[in-house]
């Protein structure tokens, strides 16, 4: 069973969510899954996005879909892979846009923990997946949980940047108060859609312009 061992500021604000019937059902589902399936990321990393970016530190939210389903890839941060793992195609395209937007060299490691430690909340809408089966844990309750997280961030924080790549992420804009926060929507960085407007969307410089305008320290995006 997953025990929501999660950073204290998040544990406090999400306490009620953890008590809800859907979350109990989600935990029961994961218990059963683990009896017969390999699940990513490992249990200690399921809430890594929360543990790396406490609630009070969040400046930017980058919303992903579900974890990478290949061995040693997922470690609980959206779009990020562990050190030494080849960059998946979407991450390659993110780094290309980062280079073109901010002049950053493409990093050797695809580990985005350095972003998370600066306040970039790397949230997937679904936090677990079966090995080799993309989207295998959707509609089991994670979406209820992450929608609640987005609503809480929108309601209780000021001047956040929400980076929503692709149609599923873009649909979450309805959960966000656009009068308080900057919402940046663009096609997904996947090779299937990146040339439809992801390249050239300049999310990194636009984020920093907004943060600076609000008197908030910008993100050092170069890794």
N, C-alpha and C. Protein backbone atom coordinates (compact mmCIF):
# COMPACT_ATOMS: atom_id res chain seq x y z
N UNK A 1 0.85 -1.20 0.00
CA UNK A 1 0.00 0.00 0.00
C UNK A 1 0.88 1.25 0.00
N UNK A 2 0.50 2.25 -0.81
CA UNK A 2 1.26 3.50 -0.71
C UNK A 2 0.73 4.29 0.46
N UNK A 3 1.68 4.65 1.31
CA UNK A 3 1.38 5.56 2.38
C UNK A 3 1.78 6.93 1.86
N UNK A 4 0.89 7.93 1.89
CA UNK A 4 1.28 9.22 1.33
C UNK A 4 2.38 9.90 2.16
N UNK A 5 3.59 9.36 2.04
CA UNK A 5 4.75 9.97 2.68
C UNK A 5 5.21 11.08 1.74
N UNK A 6 4.91 12.28 2.13
CA UNK A 6 5.03 13.41 1.23
C UNK A 6 5.51 14.61 2.03
N UNK A 7 6.20 15.50 1.40
CA UNK A 7 6.77 16.68 2.05
C UNK A 7 5.70 17.39 2.88
N UNK A 8 6.11 17.93 4.03
CA UNK A 8 5.16 18.35 5.07
C UNK A 8 4.18 19.43 4.61
N UNK A 9 4.63 20.40 3.84
CA UNK A 9 3.72 21.46 3.43
C UNK A 9 2.61 20.91 2.53
N UNK A 10 2.98 19.95 1.68
CA UNK A 10 1.98 19.30 0.83
C UNK A 10 1.07 18.39 1.65
N UNK A 11 1.65 17.68 2.60
CA UNK A 11 0.84 16.78 3.44
C UNK A 11 -0.26 17.56 4.15
N UNK A 12 0.08 18.75 4.61
CA UNK A 12 -0.89 19.58 5.33
C UNK A 12 -2.01 20.03 4.40
N UNK A 13 -1.66 20.56 3.23
CA UNK A 13 -2.69 21.13 2.35
C UNK A 13 -3.50 20.04 1.65
N UNK A 14 -2.94 18.83 1.53
CA UNK A 14 -3.63 17.73 0.85
C UNK A 14 -4.24 16.72 1.82
N UNK A 15 -4.21 17.03 3.10
CA UNK A 15 -4.69 16.07 4.10
C UNK A 15 -6.10 15.58 3.79
N UNK A 16 -7.01 16.49 3.50
CA UNK A 16 -8.40 16.10 3.23
C UNK A 16 -8.51 15.22 1.99
N UNK A 17 -7.66 15.51 1.01
CA UNK A 17 -7.71 14.74 -0.25
C UNK A 17 -7.33 13.28 0.00
N UNK A 18 -6.35 13.07 0.87
CA UNK A 18 -5.90 11.71 1.17
C UNK A 18 -6.96 10.88 1.89
N UNK A 19 -7.94 11.54 2.48
CA UNK A 19 -9.00 10.82 3.21
C UNK A 19 -10.18 10.44 2.33
N UNK A 20 -10.22 10.93 1.12
CA UNK A 20 -11.40 10.74 0.28
C UNK A 20 -11.50 9.31 -0.24
N UNK A 21 -12.72 8.83 -0.47
CA UNK A 21 -12.91 7.45 -0.94
C UNK A 21 -12.15 7.12 -2.21
N UNK A 22 -12.06 8.06 -3.15
CA UNK A 22 -11.36 7.75 -4.41
C UNK A 22 -9.89 7.47 -4.15
N UNK A 23 -9.29 8.15 -3.16
CA UNK A 23 -7.88 7.93 -2.90
C UNK A 23 -7.66 6.59 -2.21
N UNK A 24 -8.58 6.21 -1.35
CA UNK A 24 -8.51 4.87 -0.75
C UNK A 24 -8.63 3.79 -1.84
N UNK A 25 -9.52 4.02 -2.80
CA UNK A 25 -9.68 3.07 -3.90
C UNK A 25 -8.41 3.02 -4.76
N UNK A 26 -7.79 4.17 -4.97
CA UNK A 26 -6.54 4.23 -5.73
C UNK A 26 -5.44 3.43 -5.03
N UNK A 27 -5.33 3.59 -3.73
CA UNK A 27 -4.32 2.83 -2.99
C UNK A 27 -4.58 1.33 -3.11
N UNK A 28 -5.85 0.93 -3.01
CA UNK A 28 -6.20 -0.49 -3.14
C UNK A 28 -5.84 -1.01 -4.53
N UNK A 29 -6.10 -0.20 -5.56
CA UNK A 29 -5.75 -0.58 -6.93
C UNK A 29 -4.24 -0.81 -7.06
N UNK A 30 -3.44 0.09 -6.49
CA UNK A 30 -1.99 -0.05 -6.59
C UNK A 30 -1.47 -1.26 -5.84
N UNK A 31 -2.08 -1.57 -4.71
CA UNK A 31 -1.70 -2.77 -3.97
C UNK A 31 -1.89 -4.01 -4.85
N UNK A 32 -3.02 -4.09 -5.52
CA UNK A 32 -3.30 -5.23 -6.39
C UNK A 32 -2.36 -5.26 -7.59
N UNK A 33 -2.12 -4.10 -8.18
CA UNK A 33 -1.23 -4.03 -9.34
C UNK A 33 0.16 -4.56 -9.01
N UNK A 34 0.65 -4.18 -7.84
CA UNK A 34 2.02 -4.54 -7.48
C UNK A 34 2.18 -6.04 -7.25
N UNK A 35 1.08 -6.74 -7.07
CA UNK A 35 1.15 -8.19 -6.88
C UNK A 35 1.54 -8.90 -8.17
N UNK A 36 1.22 -8.30 -9.31
CA UNK A 36 1.45 -9.00 -10.58
C UNK A 36 2.16 -8.16 -11.63
N UNK A 37 2.36 -6.86 -11.36
CA UNK A 37 2.92 -5.97 -12.37
C UNK A 37 4.13 -5.21 -11.82
N UNK A 38 5.02 -4.83 -12.74
CA UNK A 38 6.09 -3.91 -12.37
C UNK A 38 5.57 -2.50 -12.58
N UNK A 39 5.72 -1.66 -11.56
CA UNK A 39 5.14 -0.32 -11.57
C UNK A 39 6.27 0.71 -11.52
N UNK A 40 6.12 1.76 -12.31
CA UNK A 40 7.06 2.89 -12.28
C UNK A 40 6.31 4.16 -11.86
N UNK A 41 7.00 5.10 -11.20
CA UNK A 41 8.34 4.96 -10.62
C UNK A 41 8.28 4.10 -9.37
N UNK A 42 9.42 3.86 -8.76
CA UNK A 42 9.40 3.09 -7.51
C UNK A 42 8.64 3.86 -6.45
N UNK A 43 8.13 3.15 -5.47
CA UNK A 43 7.22 3.74 -4.48
C UNK A 43 7.77 4.99 -3.83
N UNK A 44 9.06 5.00 -3.54
CA UNK A 44 9.65 6.15 -2.84
C UNK A 44 9.69 7.40 -3.73
N UNK A 45 9.47 7.24 -5.04
CA UNK A 45 9.52 8.38 -5.94
C UNK A 45 8.15 8.82 -6.47
N UNK A 46 7.09 8.16 -6.05
CA UNK A 46 5.76 8.50 -6.58
C UNK A 46 5.44 9.97 -6.33
N UNK A 47 5.82 10.47 -5.16
CA UNK A 47 5.54 11.87 -4.82
C UNK A 47 6.79 12.74 -4.90
N UNK A 48 7.73 12.35 -5.75
CA UNK A 48 9.00 13.09 -5.85
C UNK A 48 8.80 14.54 -6.27
N UNK A 49 7.83 14.80 -7.14
CA UNK A 49 7.59 16.19 -7.56
C UNK A 49 7.25 17.06 -6.35
N UNK A 50 6.46 16.51 -5.45
CA UNK A 50 6.06 17.23 -4.24
C UNK A 50 7.23 17.37 -3.27
N UNK A 51 8.01 16.31 -3.14
CA UNK A 51 9.12 16.33 -2.19
C UNK A 51 10.24 17.26 -2.63
N UNK A 52 10.42 17.40 -3.94
CA UNK A 52 11.48 18.27 -4.47
C UNK A 52 11.06 19.73 -4.53
N UNK A 53 9.76 20.00 -4.55
CA UNK A 53 9.27 21.37 -4.68
C UNK A 53 8.15 21.60 -3.65
N UNK A 54 8.49 21.99 -2.43
CA UNK A 54 7.47 22.26 -1.42
C UNK A 54 6.45 23.29 -1.90
N UNK A 55 5.26 23.22 -1.34
CA UNK A 55 4.15 24.08 -1.77
C UNK A 55 4.55 25.55 -1.81
N UNK A 56 5.20 26.01 -0.76
CA UNK A 56 5.55 27.43 -0.66
C UNK A 56 6.58 27.85 -1.70
N UNK A 57 7.30 26.89 -2.28
CA UNK A 57 8.37 27.21 -3.22
C UNK A 57 7.93 27.21 -4.68
N UNK A 58 6.71 26.76 -4.96
CA UNK A 58 6.29 26.60 -6.36
C UNK A 58 6.20 27.96 -7.04
N UNK A 59 6.87 28.06 -8.20
CA UNK A 59 6.80 29.25 -9.05
C UNK A 59 6.21 28.93 -10.42
N UNK A 60 6.61 27.77 -10.95
CA UNK A 60 6.21 27.34 -12.29
C UNK A 60 5.71 25.91 -12.19
N UNK A 61 4.64 25.60 -12.90
CA UNK A 61 4.12 24.23 -12.98
C UNK A 61 4.27 23.76 -14.43
N UNK A 62 4.97 22.67 -14.64
CA UNK A 62 5.02 22.03 -15.96
C UNK A 62 4.26 20.72 -15.86
N UNK A 63 3.17 20.63 -16.61
CA UNK A 63 2.26 19.50 -16.47
C UNK A 63 2.54 18.44 -17.54
N UNK A 64 2.83 17.23 -17.08
CA UNK A 64 3.01 16.10 -17.98
C UNK A 64 1.81 15.16 -17.91
N UNK A 65 1.91 14.02 -18.59
CA UNK A 65 0.78 13.09 -18.66
C UNK A 65 0.92 11.97 -17.66
N UNK A 66 1.76 10.99 -17.95
CA UNK A 66 2.03 9.93 -16.97
C UNK A 66 3.52 9.59 -17.05
N UNK A 67 4.04 8.83 -16.09
CA UNK A 67 5.48 8.60 -16.06
C UNK A 67 5.97 7.83 -17.28
N UNK A 68 7.25 7.99 -17.57
CA UNK A 68 7.89 7.13 -18.58
C UNK A 68 7.74 5.67 -18.14
N UNK A 69 7.52 4.79 -19.10
CA UNK A 69 7.26 3.39 -18.75
C UNK A 69 8.41 2.45 -19.09
N UNK A 70 9.57 3.02 -19.44
CA UNK A 70 10.76 2.21 -19.68
C UNK A 70 11.59 2.04 -18.42
N UNK A 71 12.38 1.01 -18.39
CA UNK A 71 13.18 0.71 -17.21
C UNK A 71 14.15 1.84 -16.88
N UNK A 72 14.21 2.21 -15.62
CA UNK A 72 15.13 3.22 -15.09
C UNK A 72 14.88 4.64 -15.59
N UNK A 73 13.75 4.87 -16.27
CA UNK A 73 13.48 6.22 -16.78
C UNK A 73 12.79 7.09 -15.73
N UNK A 74 11.61 6.67 -15.28
CA UNK A 74 10.78 7.53 -14.43
C UNK A 74 11.37 7.65 -13.02
N UNK A 75 11.33 8.88 -12.50
CA UNK A 75 11.71 9.07 -11.09
C UNK A 75 10.84 10.13 -10.42
N UNK A 76 9.64 10.31 -10.94
CA UNK A 76 8.64 11.10 -10.24
C UNK A 76 8.55 12.56 -10.64
N UNK A 77 9.34 12.99 -11.60
CA UNK A 77 9.28 14.37 -12.10
C UNK A 77 8.88 14.33 -13.57
N UNK A 78 7.87 15.11 -13.95
CA UNK A 78 7.39 15.05 -15.33
C UNK A 78 8.50 15.43 -16.32
N UNK A 79 8.58 14.65 -17.39
CA UNK A 79 9.53 14.83 -18.50
C UNK A 79 10.97 14.50 -18.14
N UNK A 80 11.28 14.33 -16.87
CA UNK A 80 12.65 14.10 -16.41
C UNK A 80 12.99 12.62 -16.44
N UNK A 81 14.27 12.32 -16.70
CA UNK A 81 14.77 10.95 -16.57
C UNK A 81 15.97 10.94 -15.63
N UNK A 82 16.28 9.78 -15.12
CA UNK A 82 17.39 9.66 -14.19
C UNK A 82 18.72 9.81 -14.93
N UNK A 83 19.73 10.18 -14.16
CA UNK A 83 21.07 10.36 -14.73
C UNK A 83 21.50 9.10 -15.49
N UNK A 84 22.12 9.29 -16.64
CA UNK A 84 22.64 8.16 -17.41
C UNK A 84 21.64 7.54 -18.36
N UNK A 85 20.38 7.96 -18.30
CA UNK A 85 19.34 7.42 -19.18
C UNK A 85 19.25 8.29 -20.44
N UNK A 86 19.22 7.68 -21.63
CA UNK A 86 19.09 8.48 -22.86
C UNK A 86 17.85 9.36 -22.82
N UNK A 87 17.96 10.53 -23.42
CA UNK A 87 16.84 11.47 -23.43
C UNK A 87 15.72 10.94 -24.33
N UNK A 88 14.51 10.76 -23.80
CA UNK A 88 13.38 10.41 -24.65
C UNK A 88 13.10 11.52 -25.67
N UNK A 89 12.39 11.20 -26.76
CA UNK A 89 12.18 12.19 -27.83
C UNK A 89 11.56 13.50 -27.35
N UNK A 90 10.56 13.45 -26.46
CA UNK A 90 9.94 14.69 -25.99
C UNK A 90 10.94 15.55 -25.24
N UNK A 91 11.78 14.92 -24.44
CA UNK A 91 12.78 15.67 -23.67
C UNK A 91 13.84 16.25 -24.60
N UNK A 92 14.19 15.51 -25.65
CA UNK A 92 15.12 16.06 -26.64
C UNK A 92 14.57 17.35 -27.23
N UNK A 93 13.27 17.35 -27.52
CA UNK A 93 12.66 18.55 -28.11
C UNK A 93 12.55 19.69 -27.10
N UNK A 94 12.30 19.35 -25.83
CA UNK A 94 12.29 20.38 -24.78
C UNK A 94 13.66 21.06 -24.71
N UNK A 95 14.71 20.25 -24.78
CA UNK A 95 16.06 20.80 -24.71
C UNK A 95 16.41 21.62 -25.96
N UNK A 96 15.87 21.23 -27.12
CA UNK A 96 16.07 22.04 -28.33
C UNK A 96 15.43 23.41 -28.18
N UNK A 97 14.19 23.42 -27.65
CA UNK A 97 13.50 24.69 -27.44
C UNK A 97 14.21 25.52 -26.37
N UNK A 98 14.72 24.85 -25.34
CA UNK A 98 15.48 25.54 -24.30
C UNK A 98 16.73 26.20 -24.89
N UNK A 99 17.40 25.50 -25.77
CA UNK A 99 18.59 26.05 -26.44
C UNK A 99 18.21 27.27 -27.29
N UNK A 100 17.15 27.13 -28.08
CA UNK A 100 16.76 28.22 -28.98
C UNK A 100 16.19 29.41 -28.22
N UNK A 101 15.49 29.14 -27.12
CA UNK A 101 14.84 30.19 -26.34
C UNK A 101 15.81 30.91 -25.42
N UNK A 102 16.66 30.15 -24.73
CA UNK A 102 17.50 30.72 -23.67
C UNK A 102 19.00 30.65 -23.96
N UNK A 103 19.38 30.01 -25.07
CA UNK A 103 20.79 29.88 -25.39
C UNK A 103 21.52 28.83 -24.57
N UNK A 104 20.78 27.96 -23.91
CA UNK A 104 21.40 26.92 -23.07
C UNK A 104 21.97 25.80 -23.94
N UNK A 105 23.10 25.29 -23.55
CA UNK A 105 23.60 24.07 -24.18
C UNK A 105 22.72 22.90 -23.80
N UNK A 106 22.59 21.93 -24.71
CA UNK A 106 21.82 20.73 -24.40
C UNK A 106 22.58 19.94 -23.34
N UNK A 107 21.96 19.69 -22.18
CA UNK A 107 22.68 19.02 -21.09
C UNK A 107 22.90 17.53 -21.38
N UNK A 108 23.92 16.98 -20.75
CA UNK A 108 24.18 15.55 -20.91
C UNK A 108 23.14 14.72 -20.19
N UNK A 109 22.74 15.17 -19.00
CA UNK A 109 21.75 14.43 -18.21
C UNK A 109 20.36 15.01 -18.45
N UNK A 110 19.37 14.11 -18.50
CA UNK A 110 17.98 14.53 -18.62
C UNK A 110 17.28 14.67 -17.27
N UNK A 111 18.06 14.68 -16.20
CA UNK A 111 17.51 14.82 -14.86
C UNK A 111 17.18 16.30 -14.61
N UNK A 112 15.90 16.58 -14.38
CA UNK A 112 15.43 17.96 -14.21
C UNK A 112 15.30 18.38 -12.74
N UNK A 113 15.94 17.64 -11.86
CA UNK A 113 15.84 17.95 -10.43
C UNK A 113 16.28 19.39 -10.12
N UNK A 114 17.25 19.90 -10.87
CA UNK A 114 17.73 21.27 -10.62
C UNK A 114 16.61 22.28 -10.86
N UNK A 115 15.73 22.02 -11.80
CA UNK A 115 14.57 22.89 -11.99
C UNK A 115 13.64 22.78 -10.78
N UNK A 116 13.38 21.53 -10.38
CA UNK A 116 12.45 21.30 -9.26
C UNK A 116 12.91 22.02 -8.01
N UNK A 117 14.22 22.03 -7.76
CA UNK A 117 14.76 22.65 -6.55
C UNK A 117 14.65 24.18 -6.58
N UNK A 118 14.41 24.73 -7.77
CA UNK A 118 14.22 26.18 -7.90
C UNK A 118 12.76 26.61 -7.87
N UNK A 119 11.84 25.63 -7.80
CA UNK A 119 10.43 25.98 -7.76
C UNK A 119 9.64 25.60 -8.99
N UNK A 120 10.23 24.77 -9.85
CA UNK A 120 9.50 24.27 -11.02
C UNK A 120 8.85 22.94 -10.63
N UNK A 121 7.55 22.96 -10.49
CA UNK A 121 6.79 21.80 -10.02
C UNK A 121 6.48 20.92 -11.23
N UNK A 122 7.18 19.79 -11.32
CA UNK A 122 7.12 18.91 -12.49
C UNK A 122 6.09 17.81 -12.23
N UNK A 123 4.83 18.15 -12.48
CA UNK A 123 3.70 17.31 -12.11
C UNK A 123 3.16 16.53 -13.30
N UNK A 124 3.01 15.23 -13.15
CA UNK A 124 2.25 14.43 -14.10
C UNK A 124 0.80 14.36 -13.64
N UNK A 125 -0.14 14.25 -14.60
CA UNK A 125 -1.55 14.12 -14.21
C UNK A 125 -1.85 12.75 -13.63
N UNK A 126 -1.05 11.75 -14.00
CA UNK A 126 -1.12 10.40 -13.44
C UNK A 126 0.27 10.08 -12.90
N UNK A 127 0.36 9.56 -11.69
CA UNK A 127 1.67 9.46 -11.03
C UNK A 127 2.31 8.08 -11.08
N UNK A 128 1.61 7.09 -11.63
CA UNK A 128 2.19 5.74 -11.75
C UNK A 128 1.82 5.14 -13.10
N UNK A 129 2.54 4.07 -13.47
CA UNK A 129 2.28 3.41 -14.76
C UNK A 129 2.84 1.99 -14.68
N UNK A 130 2.23 1.07 -15.44
CA UNK A 130 2.80 -0.27 -15.59
C UNK A 130 4.02 -0.20 -16.51
N UNK A 131 4.98 -1.06 -16.25
CA UNK A 131 6.13 -1.16 -17.14
C UNK A 131 5.66 -1.46 -18.57
N UNK A 132 6.19 -0.69 -19.51
CA UNK A 132 5.95 -0.90 -20.96
C UNK A 132 4.53 -0.66 -21.41
N UNK A 133 3.69 -0.05 -20.56
CA UNK A 133 2.28 0.20 -20.93
C UNK A 133 1.89 1.63 -20.62
N UNK A 134 2.08 2.50 -21.60
CA UNK A 134 1.72 3.91 -21.41
C UNK A 134 0.23 4.05 -21.09
N UNK A 135 -0.08 4.98 -20.22
CA UNK A 135 -1.47 5.31 -19.85
C UNK A 135 -2.20 4.17 -19.14
N UNK A 136 -1.47 3.19 -18.64
CA UNK A 136 -2.12 2.01 -18.05
C UNK A 136 -2.76 2.29 -16.69
N UNK A 137 -2.43 3.42 -16.06
CA UNK A 137 -3.03 3.75 -14.76
C UNK A 137 -3.95 4.96 -14.84
N UNK A 138 -4.38 5.30 -16.02
CA UNK A 138 -5.32 6.43 -16.11
C UNK A 138 -6.70 5.96 -15.65
N UNK A 139 -7.50 6.92 -15.24
CA UNK A 139 -8.87 6.68 -14.79
C UNK A 139 -8.96 5.75 -13.58
N UNK A 140 -7.93 5.79 -12.75
CA UNK A 140 -7.94 5.01 -11.50
C UNK A 140 -7.99 5.91 -10.27
N UNK A 141 -8.02 7.22 -10.50
CA UNK A 141 -8.10 8.15 -9.37
C UNK A 141 -7.03 9.22 -9.35
N UNK A 142 -5.91 8.97 -10.03
CA UNK A 142 -4.84 9.96 -10.00
C UNK A 142 -5.29 11.31 -10.56
N UNK A 143 -6.13 11.28 -11.60
CA UNK A 143 -6.57 12.54 -12.20
C UNK A 143 -7.36 13.39 -11.20
N UNK A 144 -8.19 12.73 -10.37
CA UNK A 144 -8.92 13.45 -9.32
C UNK A 144 -7.94 14.15 -8.39
N UNK A 145 -6.89 13.43 -8.03
CA UNK A 145 -5.90 13.94 -7.10
C UNK A 145 -5.14 15.12 -7.71
N UNK A 146 -4.62 14.96 -8.91
CA UNK A 146 -3.81 16.03 -9.50
C UNK A 146 -4.65 17.23 -9.91
N UNK A 147 -5.92 17.01 -10.27
CA UNK A 147 -6.81 18.15 -10.50
C UNK A 147 -6.97 18.97 -9.21
N UNK A 148 -7.12 18.26 -8.10
CA UNK A 148 -7.23 18.95 -6.81
C UNK A 148 -5.96 19.74 -6.50
N UNK A 149 -4.81 19.17 -6.82
CA UNK A 149 -3.54 19.85 -6.60
C UNK A 149 -3.48 21.15 -7.41
N UNK A 150 -3.88 21.07 -8.69
CA UNK A 150 -3.86 22.26 -9.55
C UNK A 150 -4.81 23.33 -9.01
N UNK A 151 -6.00 22.92 -8.58
CA UNK A 151 -6.97 23.87 -8.02
C UNK A 151 -6.42 24.53 -6.75
N UNK A 152 -5.77 23.76 -5.89
CA UNK A 152 -5.22 24.31 -4.65
C UNK A 152 -4.10 25.31 -4.95
N UNK A 153 -3.25 24.98 -5.91
CA UNK A 153 -2.19 25.91 -6.30
C UNK A 153 -2.79 27.21 -6.83
N UNK A 154 -3.79 27.07 -7.69
CA UNK A 154 -4.42 28.25 -8.28
C UNK A 154 -5.06 29.13 -7.20
N UNK A 155 -5.73 28.48 -6.25
CA UNK A 155 -6.48 29.22 -5.23
C UNK A 155 -5.58 29.87 -4.17
N UNK A 156 -4.53 29.17 -3.78
CA UNK A 156 -3.76 29.59 -2.60
C UNK A 156 -2.45 30.29 -2.93
N UNK A 157 -2.07 30.29 -4.20
CA UNK A 157 -0.82 30.94 -4.59
C UNK A 157 -1.11 32.15 -5.47
N UNK A 158 -0.12 33.01 -5.61
CA UNK A 158 -0.20 34.18 -6.50
C UNK A 158 0.90 34.09 -7.55
N UNK A 159 0.60 34.54 -8.75
CA UNK A 159 1.61 34.76 -9.79
C UNK A 159 2.42 33.50 -10.14
N UNK A 160 1.72 32.40 -10.34
CA UNK A 160 2.37 31.19 -10.84
C UNK A 160 2.35 31.19 -12.37
N UNK A 161 3.25 30.42 -12.95
CA UNK A 161 3.23 30.14 -14.38
C UNK A 161 2.83 28.69 -14.56
N UNK A 162 1.81 28.43 -15.35
CA UNK A 162 1.39 27.07 -15.68
C UNK A 162 1.74 26.80 -17.14
N UNK A 163 2.64 25.86 -17.37
CA UNK A 163 3.06 25.48 -18.73
C UNK A 163 2.32 24.20 -19.09
N UNK A 164 1.42 24.31 -20.06
CA UNK A 164 0.52 23.22 -20.44
C UNK A 164 0.82 22.82 -21.88
N UNK A 165 1.47 21.67 -22.05
CA UNK A 165 1.86 21.19 -23.37
C UNK A 165 0.94 20.06 -23.82
N UNK A 166 0.31 20.24 -24.96
CA UNK A 166 -0.59 19.22 -25.50
C UNK A 166 -2.02 19.42 -25.04
N UNK A 167 -2.95 18.78 -25.77
CA UNK A 167 -4.38 18.98 -25.51
C UNK A 167 -4.82 18.54 -24.11
N UNK A 168 -4.41 17.36 -23.61
CA UNK A 168 -4.85 16.96 -22.26
C UNK A 168 -4.41 17.95 -21.18
N UNK A 169 -3.15 18.42 -21.28
CA UNK A 169 -2.67 19.42 -20.31
C UNK A 169 -3.41 20.74 -20.50
N UNK A 170 -3.61 21.12 -21.76
CA UNK A 170 -4.30 22.37 -22.05
C UNK A 170 -5.70 22.43 -21.47
N UNK A 171 -6.35 21.27 -21.41
CA UNK A 171 -7.71 21.21 -20.87
C UNK A 171 -7.75 21.57 -19.39
N UNK A 172 -6.59 21.48 -18.72
CA UNK A 172 -6.53 21.81 -17.28
C UNK A 172 -6.58 23.31 -17.04
N UNK A 173 -6.51 24.10 -18.10
CA UNK A 173 -6.57 25.56 -17.93
C UNK A 173 -7.85 26.00 -17.23
N UNK A 174 -8.91 25.20 -17.40
CA UNK A 174 -10.19 25.55 -16.78
C UNK A 174 -10.13 25.49 -15.25
N UNK A 175 -9.10 24.82 -14.71
CA UNK A 175 -8.94 24.70 -13.26
C UNK A 175 -8.14 25.87 -12.66
N UNK A 176 -7.62 26.73 -13.53
CA UNK A 176 -6.65 27.76 -13.12
C UNK A 176 -7.26 29.15 -13.28
N UNK A 177 -7.01 29.99 -12.31
CA UNK A 177 -7.46 31.38 -12.36
C UNK A 177 -6.49 32.19 -13.22
N UNK A 178 -6.89 32.46 -14.47
CA UNK A 178 -6.02 33.17 -15.39
C UNK A 178 -5.83 34.64 -15.07
N UNK A 179 -6.60 35.16 -14.13
CA UNK A 179 -6.42 36.55 -13.72
C UNK A 179 -5.24 36.70 -12.76
N UNK A 180 -4.92 35.62 -12.04
CA UNK A 180 -3.81 35.65 -11.07
C UNK A 180 -2.52 35.06 -11.64
N UNK A 181 -2.68 34.11 -12.56
CA UNK A 181 -1.55 33.31 -13.00
C UNK A 181 -1.36 33.41 -14.51
N UNK A 182 -0.15 33.13 -14.97
CA UNK A 182 0.14 33.07 -16.40
C UNK A 182 -0.03 31.64 -16.89
N UNK A 183 -0.86 31.45 -17.91
CA UNK A 183 -1.08 30.13 -18.50
C UNK A 183 -0.44 30.12 -19.89
N UNK A 184 0.53 29.25 -20.09
CA UNK A 184 1.21 29.11 -21.38
C UNK A 184 0.83 27.76 -21.99
N UNK A 185 0.06 27.80 -23.07
CA UNK A 185 -0.36 26.57 -23.75
C UNK A 185 0.37 26.46 -25.08
N UNK A 186 0.76 25.24 -25.42
CA UNK A 186 1.43 24.98 -26.70
C UNK A 186 1.24 23.50 -27.03
N UNK A 187 1.48 23.10 -28.29
CA UNK A 187 1.46 21.68 -28.62
C UNK A 187 2.47 20.90 -27.78
N UNK A 188 2.26 19.62 -27.70
CA UNK A 188 3.15 18.74 -26.92
C UNK A 188 4.52 18.66 -27.59
N UNK A 189 5.60 18.52 -26.79
CA UNK A 189 6.94 18.40 -27.38
C UNK A 189 7.22 17.06 -28.06
N UNK A 190 6.27 16.16 -28.07
CA UNK A 190 6.45 14.89 -28.80
C UNK A 190 6.78 15.16 -30.27
N UNK A 191 7.60 14.29 -30.88
CA UNK A 191 7.90 14.45 -32.31
C UNK A 191 6.65 14.50 -33.19
N UNK A 192 5.55 13.93 -32.71
CA UNK A 192 4.32 13.92 -33.51
C UNK A 192 3.67 15.30 -33.60
N UNK A 193 3.95 16.17 -32.62
CA UNK A 193 3.25 17.45 -32.57
C UNK A 193 4.15 18.66 -32.38
N UNK A 194 5.43 18.44 -32.14
CA UNK A 194 6.31 19.55 -31.77
C UNK A 194 6.40 20.62 -32.84
N UNK A 195 6.26 20.23 -34.13
CA UNK A 195 6.41 21.19 -35.22
C UNK A 195 5.12 21.98 -35.48
N UNK A 196 4.08 21.73 -34.68
CA UNK A 196 2.82 22.45 -34.85
C UNK A 196 2.76 23.70 -33.98
N UNK A 197 3.86 24.06 -33.36
CA UNK A 197 3.86 25.28 -32.56
C UNK A 197 4.58 25.16 -31.23
N UNK A 198 5.05 23.96 -30.90
CA UNK A 198 5.87 23.86 -29.69
C UNK A 198 7.19 24.59 -29.89
N UNK A 199 7.86 24.28 -31.02
CA UNK A 199 9.10 24.99 -31.31
C UNK A 199 8.79 26.46 -31.59
N UNK A 200 9.50 27.31 -30.89
CA UNK A 200 9.27 28.75 -31.04
C UNK A 200 8.28 29.33 -30.04
N UNK A 201 7.75 28.49 -29.15
CA UNK A 201 6.75 28.98 -28.18
C UNK A 201 7.39 29.73 -27.01
N UNK A 202 8.69 29.56 -26.83
CA UNK A 202 9.48 30.32 -25.84
C UNK A 202 8.90 30.26 -24.41
N UNK A 203 8.60 29.10 -23.90
CA UNK A 203 8.01 29.03 -22.55
C UNK A 203 8.96 29.46 -21.44
N UNK A 204 10.24 29.25 -21.66
CA UNK A 204 11.21 29.51 -20.59
C UNK A 204 11.43 31.02 -20.41
N UNK A 205 11.63 31.71 -21.51
CA UNK A 205 11.82 33.16 -21.40
C UNK A 205 10.52 33.85 -20.99
N UNK A 206 9.39 33.37 -21.48
CA UNK A 206 8.10 33.98 -21.09
C UNK A 206 7.84 33.79 -19.61
N UNK A 207 8.19 32.61 -19.09
CA UNK A 207 8.04 32.37 -17.64
C UNK A 207 8.86 33.37 -16.84
N UNK A 208 10.12 33.53 -17.24
CA UNK A 208 11.01 34.42 -16.49
C UNK A 208 10.60 35.88 -16.60
N UNK A 209 10.09 36.27 -17.76
CA UNK A 209 9.60 37.64 -17.92
C UNK A 209 8.45 37.91 -16.94
N UNK A 210 7.54 36.96 -16.84
CA UNK A 210 6.40 37.12 -15.95
C UNK A 210 6.84 37.16 -14.49
N UNK A 211 7.70 36.22 -14.10
CA UNK A 211 8.17 36.17 -12.71
C UNK A 211 8.90 37.46 -12.35
N UNK A 212 9.78 37.92 -13.23
CA UNK A 212 10.54 39.14 -12.98
C UNK A 212 9.60 40.34 -12.83
N UNK A 213 8.59 40.39 -13.70
CA UNK A 213 7.61 41.47 -13.66
C UNK A 213 6.88 41.51 -12.31
N UNK A 214 6.69 40.35 -11.70
CA UNK A 214 5.99 40.25 -10.42
C UNK A 214 6.93 40.34 -9.21
N UNK A 215 8.20 40.60 -9.48
CA UNK A 215 9.16 40.72 -8.39
C UNK A 215 9.62 39.39 -7.82
N UNK A 216 9.48 38.33 -8.61
CA UNK A 216 9.87 36.99 -8.18
C UNK A 216 11.16 36.58 -8.90
N UNK A 217 12.06 35.96 -8.17
CA UNK A 217 13.33 35.54 -8.76
C UNK A 217 13.08 34.57 -9.91
N UNK A 218 13.64 34.83 -11.10
CA UNK A 218 13.41 33.93 -12.24
C UNK A 218 14.14 32.61 -12.08
N UNK A 219 13.80 31.69 -12.96
CA UNK A 219 14.41 30.34 -12.95
C UNK A 219 15.69 30.34 -13.76
N UNK A 220 16.74 29.71 -13.24
CA UNK A 220 17.94 29.46 -14.03
C UNK A 220 17.73 28.17 -14.80
N UNK A 221 17.27 28.31 -16.04
CA UNK A 221 16.83 27.13 -16.80
C UNK A 221 17.98 26.28 -17.32
N UNK A 222 19.14 26.88 -17.57
CA UNK A 222 20.25 26.10 -18.12
C UNK A 222 20.73 25.08 -17.10
N UNK A 223 20.87 23.85 -17.54
CA UNK A 223 21.22 22.75 -16.65
C UNK A 223 22.71 22.41 -16.77
